[in-house]
Amino acid sequence: TEQPAPDYVPGHGLLAGRTVVVTAAAGAGIG
């Protein structure tokens, strides 16, 4: 039985101060 997705989790500053590079980042998916 399909279960609903959980609520979106707010940020907690886990990557504060870091510079991140992401490939394939402009679509509508995981990137």
Full PDB file with SEQRES, HELIX, SHEET, SSBOND, CRYST1, ORIGX, SCALE, CONECT and MASTER records, all heavy atoms in Angstrom:
SEQRES   1 A   31  THR GLU GLN PRO ALA PRO ASP TYR VAL PRO GLY HIS GLY          
SEQRES   2 A   31  LEU LEU ALA GLY ARG THR VAL VAL VAL THR ALA ALA ALA          
SEQRES   3 A   31  GLY ALA GLY ILE GLY                                          
CRYST1    1.000    1.000    1.000  90.00  90.00  90.00 P 1           1          
ORIGX1      1.000000  0.000000  0.000000        0.00000                         
ORIGX2      0.000000  1.000000  0.000000        0.00000                         
ORIGX3      0.000000  0.000000  1.000000        0.00000                         
SCALE1      1.000000  0.000000  0.000000        0.00000                         
SCALE2      0.000000  1.000000  0.000000        0.00000                         
SCALE3      0.000000  0.000000  1.000000        0.00000                         
ATOM      1  N   THR A   1       0.851  -1.181   0.000  1.00  0.00           N  
ATOM      2  CA  THR A   1       0.000   0.000   0.000  1.00  0.00           C  
ATOM      3  C   THR A   1       0.887   1.231   0.000  1.00  0.00           C  
ATOM      4  O   THR A   1       1.816   1.345   0.798  1.00  0.00           O  
ATOM      5  CB  THR A   1      -0.890   0.025   1.256  1.00  0.00           C  
ATOM      6  OG1 THR A   1      -1.703  -1.143   1.250  1.00  0.00           O  
ATOM      7  CG2 THR A   1      -1.771   1.263   1.256  1.00  0.00           C  
ATOM      8  N   GLU A   2       0.612   2.142  -0.914  1.00  0.00           N  
ATOM      9  CA  GLU A   2       1.439   3.337  -1.027  1.00  0.00           C  
ATOM     10  C   GLU A   2       1.229   4.238   0.179  1.00  0.00           C  
ATOM     11  O   GLU A   2       0.104   4.632   0.496  1.00  0.00           O  
ATOM     12  CB  GLU A   2       1.115   4.104  -2.306  1.00  0.00           C  
ATOM     13  CG  GLU A   2       2.006   5.314  -2.526  1.00  0.00           C  
ATOM     14  CD  GLU A   2       1.849   5.930  -3.895  1.00  0.00           C  
ATOM     15  OE1 GLU A   2       1.206   5.295  -4.758  1.00  0.00           O  
ATOM     16  OE2 GLU A   2       2.359   7.040  -4.105  1.00  0.00           O  
ATOM     17  N   GLN A   3       2.312   4.571   0.850  1.00  0.00           N  
ATOM     18  CA  GLN A   3       2.254   5.436   2.017  1.00  0.00           C  
ATOM     19  C   GLN A   3       2.627   6.852   1.622  1.00  0.00           C  
ATOM     20  O   GLN A   3       3.433   7.057   0.717  1.00  0.00           O  
ATOM     21  CB  GLN A   3       3.193   4.924   3.111  1.00  0.00           C  
ATOM     22  CG  GLN A   3       2.857   3.524   3.604  1.00  0.00           C  
ATOM     23  CD  GLN A   3       3.764   3.090   4.739  1.00  0.00           C  
ATOM     24  OE1 GLN A   3       4.306   3.913   5.471  1.00  0.00           O  
ATOM     25  NE2 GLN A   3       3.918   1.789   4.900  1.00  0.00           N  
ATOM     26  N   PRO A   4       2.073   7.854   2.276  1.00  0.00           N  
ATOM     27  CA  PRO A   4       2.394   9.244   1.927  1.00  0.00           C  
ATOM     28  C   PRO A   4       3.835   9.587   2.269  1.00  0.00           C  
ATOM     29  O   PRO A   4       4.424   9.014   3.200  1.00  0.00           O  
ATOM     30  CB  PRO A   4       1.413  10.056   2.776  1.00  0.00           C  
ATOM     31  CG  PRO A   4       1.092   9.164   3.931  1.00  0.00           C  
ATOM     32  CD  PRO A   4       1.096   7.765   3.373  1.00  0.00           C  
ATOM     33  N   ALA A   5       4.407  10.529   1.519  1.00  0.00           N  
ATOM     34  CA  ALA A   5       5.751  10.999   1.827  1.00  0.00           C  
ATOM     35  C   ALA A   5       5.732  11.787   3.128  1.00  0.00           C  
ATOM     36  O   ALA A   5       4.719  12.405   3.475  1.00  0.00           O  
ATOM     37  CB  ALA A   5       6.270  11.878   0.693  1.00  0.00           C  
ATOM     38  N   PRO A   6       6.826  11.775   3.877  1.00  0.00           N  
ATOM     39  CA  PRO A   6       6.875  12.538   5.131  1.00  0.00           C  
ATOM     40  C   PRO A   6       6.957  14.032   4.871  1.00  0.00           C  
ATOM     41  O   PRO A   6       7.162  14.478   3.737  1.00  0.00           O  
ATOM     42  CB  PRO A   6       8.158  12.020   5.786  1.00  0.00           C  
ATOM     43  CG  PRO A   6       9.018  11.615   4.631  1.00  0.00           C  
ATOM     44  CD  PRO A   6       8.073  11.065   3.596  1.00  0.00           C  
ATOM     45  N   ASP A   7       6.808  14.807   5.924  1.00  0.00           N  
ATOM     46  CA  ASP A   7       6.939  16.259   5.802  1.00  0.00           C  
ATOM     47  C   ASP A   7       8.388  16.616   5.491  1.00  0.00           C  
ATOM     48  O   ASP A   7       9.329  15.934   5.911  1.00  0.00           O  
ATOM     49  CB  ASP A   7       6.522  16.944   7.110  1.00  0.00           C  
ATOM     50  CG  ASP A   7       5.026  16.793   7.390  1.00  0.00           C  
ATOM     51  OD1 ASP A   7       4.271  16.583   6.422  1.00  0.00           O  
ATOM     52  OD2 ASP A   7       4.640  16.861   8.565  1.00  0.00           O  
ATOM     53  N   TYR A   8       8.538  17.707   4.762  1.00  0.00           N  
ATOM     54  CA  TYR A   8       9.868  18.210   4.417  1.00  0.00           C  
ATOM     55  C   TYR A   8      10.601  18.626   5.690  1.00  0.00           C  
ATOM     56  O   TYR A   8      10.025  19.252   6.579  1.00  0.00           O  
ATOM     57  CB  TYR A   8       9.730  19.408   3.479  1.00  0.00           C  
ATOM     58  CG  TYR A   8      10.983  19.804   2.755  1.00  0.00           C  
ATOM     59  CD1 TYR A   8      11.421  19.087   1.646  1.00  0.00           C  
ATOM     60  CD2 TYR A   8      11.727  20.913   3.147  1.00  0.00           C  
ATOM     61  CE1 TYR A   8      12.562  19.461   0.956  1.00  0.00           C  
ATOM     62  CE2 TYR A   8      12.871  21.295   2.469  1.00  0.00           C  
ATOM     63  CZ  TYR A   8      13.282  20.568   1.372  1.00  0.00           C  
ATOM     64  OH  TYR A   8      14.415  20.938   0.691  1.00  0.00           O  
ATOM     65  N   VAL A   9      11.870  18.260   5.794  1.00  0.00           N  
ATOM     66  CA  VAL A   9      12.648  18.544   6.998  1.00  0.00           C  
ATOM     67  C   VAL A   9      13.406  19.862   6.831  1.00  0.00           C  
ATOM     68  O   VAL A   9      14.136  20.034   5.856  1.00  0.00           O  
ATOM     69  CB  VAL A   9      13.655  17.397   7.262  1.00  0.00           C  
ATOM     70  CG1 VAL A   9      14.456  17.670   8.528  1.00  0.00           C  
ATOM     71  CG2 VAL A   9      12.926  16.065   7.362  1.00  0.00           C  
ATOM     72  N   PRO A  10      13.275  20.792   7.759  1.00  0.00           N  
ATOM     73  CA  PRO A  10      14.000  22.067   7.638  1.00  0.00           C  
ATOM     74  C   PRO A  10      15.492  21.881   7.846  1.00  0.00           C  
ATOM     75  O   PRO A  10      15.941  20.886   8.417  1.00  0.00           O  
ATOM     76  CB  PRO A  10      13.382  22.920   8.752  1.00  0.00           C  
ATOM     77  CG  PRO A  10      12.899  21.936   9.761  1.00  0.00           C  
ATOM     78  CD  PRO A  10      12.429  20.744   8.966  1.00  0.00           C  
ATOM     79  N   GLY A  11      16.269  22.859   7.394  1.00  0.00           N  
ATOM     80  CA  GLY A  11      17.716  22.792   7.536  1.00  0.00           C  
ATOM     81  C   GLY A  11      18.177  23.025   8.961  1.00  0.00           C  
ATOM     82  O   GLY A  11      17.496  23.669   9.758  1.00  0.00           O  
ATOM     83  N   HIS A  12      19.368  22.491   9.273  1.00  0.00           N  
ATOM     84  CA  HIS A  12      19.946  22.629  10.605  1.00  0.00           C  
ATOM     85  C   HIS A  12      21.406  23.101  10.552  1.00  0.00           C  
ATOM     86  O   HIS A  12      22.164  22.870  11.489  1.00  0.00           O  
ATOM     87  CB  HIS A  12      19.861  21.297  11.359  1.00  0.00           C  
ATOM     88  CG  HIS A  12      18.473  20.903  11.729  1.00  0.00           C  
ATOM     89  ND1 HIS A  12      17.606  20.287  10.836  1.00  0.00           N  
ATOM     90  CD2 HIS A  12      17.785  21.051  12.891  1.00  0.00           C  
ATOM     91  CE1 HIS A  12      16.455  20.064  11.448  1.00  0.00           C  
ATOM     92  NE2 HIS A  12      16.531  20.506  12.677  1.00  0.00           N  
ATOM     93  N   GLY A  13      21.807  23.725   9.452  1.00  0.00           N  
ATOM     94  CA  GLY A  13      23.155  24.267   9.365  1.00  0.00           C  
ATOM     95  C   GLY A  13      24.255  23.231   9.261  1.00  0.00           C  
ATOM     96  O   GLY A  13      25.403  23.488   9.638  1.00  0.00           O  
ATOM     97  N   LEU A  14      23.942  22.048   8.710  1.00  0.00           N  
ATOM     98  CA  LEU A  14      24.926  20.970   8.669  1.00  0.00           C  
ATOM     99  C   LEU A  14      26.110  21.264   7.750  1.00  0.00           C  
ATOM    100  O   LEU A  14      27.177  20.664   7.902  1.00  0.00           O  
ATOM    101  CB  LEU A  14      24.256  19.663   8.236  1.00  0.00           C  
ATOM    102  CG  LEU A  14      23.154  19.113   9.139  1.00  0.00           C  
ATOM    103  CD1 LEU A  14      22.662  17.766   8.608  1.00  0.00           C  
ATOM    104  CD2 LEU A  14      23.649  18.967  10.567  1.00  0.00           C  
ATOM    105  N   LEU A  15      25.922  22.163   6.780  1.00  0.00           N  
ATOM    106  CA  LEU A  15      27.003  22.461   5.835  1.00  0.00           C  
ATOM    107  C   LEU A  15      27.444  23.915   5.931  1.00  0.00           C  
ATOM    108  O   LEU A  15      27.955  24.488   4.968  1.00  0.00           O  
ATOM    109  CB  LEU A  15      26.559  22.137   4.403  1.00  0.00           C  
ATOM    110  CG  LEU A  15      26.178  20.683   4.140  1.00  0.00           C  
ATOM    111  CD1 LEU A  15      25.764  20.498   2.682  1.00  0.00           C  
ATOM    112  CD2 LEU A  15      27.320  19.734   4.475  1.00  0.00           C  
ATOM    113  N   ALA A  16      27.259  24.508   7.092  1.00  0.00           N  
ATOM    114  CA  ALA A  16      27.596  25.916   7.283  1.00  0.00           C  
ATOM    115  C   ALA A  16      29.045  26.196   6.895  1.00  0.00           C  
ATOM    116  O   ALA A  16      29.966  25.493   7.312  1.00  0.00           O  
ATOM    117  CB  ALA A  16      27.360  26.301   8.737  1.00  0.00           C  
ATOM    118  N   GLY A  17      29.228  27.216   6.058  1.00  0.00           N  
ATOM    119  CA  GLY A  17      30.558  27.660   5.681  1.00  0.00           C  
ATOM    120  C   GLY A  17      31.239  26.850   4.607  1.00  0.00           C  
ATOM    121  O   GLY A  17      32.384  27.137   4.245  1.00  0.00           O  
ATOM    122  N   ARG A  18      30.569  25.859   4.047  1.00  0.00           N  
ATOM    123  CA  ARG A  18      31.210  25.002   3.047  1.00  0.00           C  
ATOM    124  C   ARG A  18      30.773  25.374   1.633  1.00  0.00           C  
ATOM    125  O   ARG A  18      29.643  25.800   1.409  1.00  0.00           O  
ATOM    126  CB  ARG A  18      30.890  23.527   3.320  1.00  0.00           C  
ATOM    127  CG  ARG A  18      31.352  23.069   4.683  1.00  0.00           C  
ATOM    128  CD  ARG A  18      31.218  21.586   4.852  1.00  0.00           C  
ATOM    129  NE  ARG A  18      31.503  21.192   6.232  1.00  0.00           N  
ATOM    130  CZ  ARG A  18      31.536  19.939   6.644  1.00  0.00           C  
ATOM    131  NH1 ARG A  18      31.296  18.949   5.792  1.00  0.00           N  
ATOM    132  NH2 ARG A  18      31.798  19.657   7.903  1.00  0.00           N  
ATOM    133  N   THR A  19      31.688  25.171   0.711  1.00  0.00           N  
ATOM    134  CA  THR A  19      31.394  25.408  -0.704  1.00  0.00           C  
ATOM    135  C   THR A  19      31.154  24.060  -1.368  1.00  0.00           C  
ATOM    136  O   THR A  19      31.991  23.154  -1.284  1.00  0.00           O  
ATOM    137  CB  THR A  19      32.557  26.138  -1.397  1.00  0.00           C  
ATOM    138  OG1 THR A  19      32.724  27.420  -0.769  1.00  0.00           O  
ATOM    139  CG2 THR A  19      32.271  26.330  -2.874  1.00  0.00           C  
ATOM    140  N   VAL A  20      30.016  23.948  -2.038  1.00  0.00           N  
ATOM    141  CA  VAL A  20      29.574  22.673  -2.608  1.00  0.00           C  
ATOM    142  C   VAL A  20      29.495  22.799  -4.131  1.00  0.00           C  
ATOM    143  O   VAL A  20      29.029  23.812  -4.654  1.00  0.00           O  
ATOM    144  CB  VAL A  20      28.189  22.277  -2.056  1.00  0.00           C  
ATOM    145  CG1 VAL A  20      27.767  20.911  -2.591  1.00  0.00           C  
ATOM    146  CG2 VAL A  20      28.192  22.276  -0.528  1.00  0.00           C  
ATOM    147  N   VAL A  21      29.925  21.782  -4.828  1.00  0.00           N  
ATOM    148  CA  VAL A  21      29.802  21.700  -6.284  1.00  0.00           C  
ATOM    149  C   VAL A  21      28.924  20.496  -6.605  1.00  0.00           C  
ATOM    150  O   VAL A  21      29.134  19.405  -6.071  1.00  0.00           O  
ATOM    151  CB  VAL A  21      31.180  21.554  -6.962  1.00  0.00           C  
ATOM    152  CG1 VAL A  21      31.021  21.390  -8.469  1.00  0.00           C  
ATOM    153  CG2 VAL A  21      32.064  22.760  -6.639  1.00  0.00           C  
ATOM    154  N   VAL A  22      27.931  20.695  -7.480  1.00  0.00           N  
ATOM    155  CA  VAL A  22      26.986  19.631  -7.826  1.00  0.00           C  
ATOM    156  C   VAL A  22      26.887  19.507  -9.339  1.00  0.00           C  
ATOM    157  O   VAL A  22      26.649  20.506 -10.033  1.00  0.00           O  
ATOM    158  CB  VAL A  22      25.580  19.909  -7.254  1.00  0.00           C  
ATOM    159  CG1 VAL A  22      24.654  18.717  -7.524  1.00  0.00           C  
ATOM    160  CG2 VAL A  22      25.641  20.201  -5.758  1.00  0.00           C  
ATOM    161  N   THR A  23      27.052  18.307  -9.867  1.00  0.00           N  
ATOM    162  CA  THR A  23      26.884  18.094 -11.307  1.00  0.00           C  
ATOM    163  C   THR A  23      25.453  17.662 -11.612  1.00  0.00           C  
ATOM    164  O   THR A  23      24.736  17.168 -10.745  1.00  0.00           O  
ATOM    165  CB  THR A  23      27.856  17.030 -11.831  1.00  0.00           C  
ATOM    166  OG1 THR A  23      27.579  15.763 -11.216  1.00  0.00           O  
ATOM    167  CG2 THR A  23      29.301  17.426 -11.563  1.00  0.00           C  
ATOM    168  N   ALA A  24      25.041  17.861 -12.876  1.00  0.00           N  
ATOM    169  CA  ALA A  24      23.668  17.555 -13.309  1.00  0.00           C  
ATOM    170  C   ALA A  24      22.675  18.163 -12.332  1.00  0.00           C  
ATOM    171  O   ALA A  24      21.797  17.497 -11.803  1.00  0.00           O  
ATOM    172  CB  ALA A  24      23.453  16.055 -13.458  1.00  0.00           C  
ATOM    173  N   ALA A  25      22.822  19.479 -12.117  1.00  0.00           N  
ATOM    174  CA  ALA A  25      22.132  20.148 -11.016  1.00  0.00           C  
ATOM    175  C   ALA A  25      20.960  21.011 -11.436  1.00  0.00           C  
ATOM    176  O   ALA A  25      20.312  21.611 -10.580  1.00  0.00           O  
ATOM    177  CB  ALA A  25      23.134  21.014 -10.253  1.00  0.00           C  
ATOM    178  N   ALA A  26      20.662  21.089 -12.729  1.00  0.00           N  
ATOM    179  CA  ALA A  26      19.672  22.068 -13.186  1.00  0.00           C  
ATOM    180  C   ALA A  26      18.338  21.457 -13.588  1.00  0.00           C  
ATOM    181  O   ALA A  26      17.473  22.170 -14.090  1.00  0.00           O  
ATOM    182  CB  ALA A  26      20.244  22.872 -14.360  1.00  0.00           C  
ATOM    183  N   GLY A  27      18.155  20.174 -13.380  1.00  0.00           N  
ATOM    184  CA  GLY A  27      16.891  19.560 -13.762  1.00  0.00           C  
ATOM    185  C   GLY A  27      15.873  19.630 -12.634  1.00  0.00           C  
ATOM    186  O   GLY A  27      15.886  20.541 -11.813  1.00  0.00           O  
ATOM    187  N   ALA A  28      15.014  18.622 -12.594  1.00  0.00           N  
ATOM    188  CA  ALA A  28      13.983  18.577 -11.551  1.00  0.00           C  
ATOM    189  C   ALA A  28      14.177  17.384 -10.630  1.00  0.00           C  
ATOM    190  O   ALA A  28      13.284  17.036  -9.879  1.00  0.00           O  
ATOM    191  CB  ALA A  28      12.602  18.497 -12.203  1.00  0.00           C  
ATOM    192  N   GLY A  29      15.347  16.761 -10.693  1.00  0.00           N  
ATOM    193  CA  GLY A  29      15.563  15.528  -9.959  1.00  0.00           C  
ATOM    194  C   GLY A  29      16.473  15.671  -8.761  1.00  0.00           C  
ATOM    195  O   GLY A  29      16.458  16.682  -8.052  1.00  0.00           O  
ATOM    196  N   ILE A  30      17.304  14.651  -8.538  1.00  0.00           N  
ATOM    197  CA  ILE A  30      18.127  14.571  -7.341  1.00  0.00           C  
ATOM    198  C   ILE A  30      19.155  15.704  -7.287  1.00  0.00           C  
ATOM    199  O   ILE A  30      19.407  16.270  -6.217  1.00  0.00           O  
ATOM    200  CB  ILE A  30      18.818  13.201  -7.275  1.00  0.00           C  
ATOM    201  CG1 ILE A  30      17.768  12.092  -7.094  1.00  0.00           C  
ATOM    202  CG2 ILE A  30      19.838  13.157  -6.135  1.00  0.00           C  
ATOM    203  CD1 ILE A  30      18.323  10.687  -7.236  1.00  0.00           C  
ATOM    204  N   GLY A  31      19.742  16.060  -8.422  1.00  0.00           N  
ATOM    205  CA  GLY A  31      20.756  17.115  -8.426  1.00  0.00           C  
ATOM    206  C   GLY A  31      20.231  18.447  -7.945  1.00  0.00           C  
ATOM    207  O   GLY A  31      20.844  19.112  -7.102  1.00  0.00           O  
TER     208      GLY A  31                                                      
MASTER        0    0    0    0    0    0    0    6  207    1    0    3          
END                                                                             
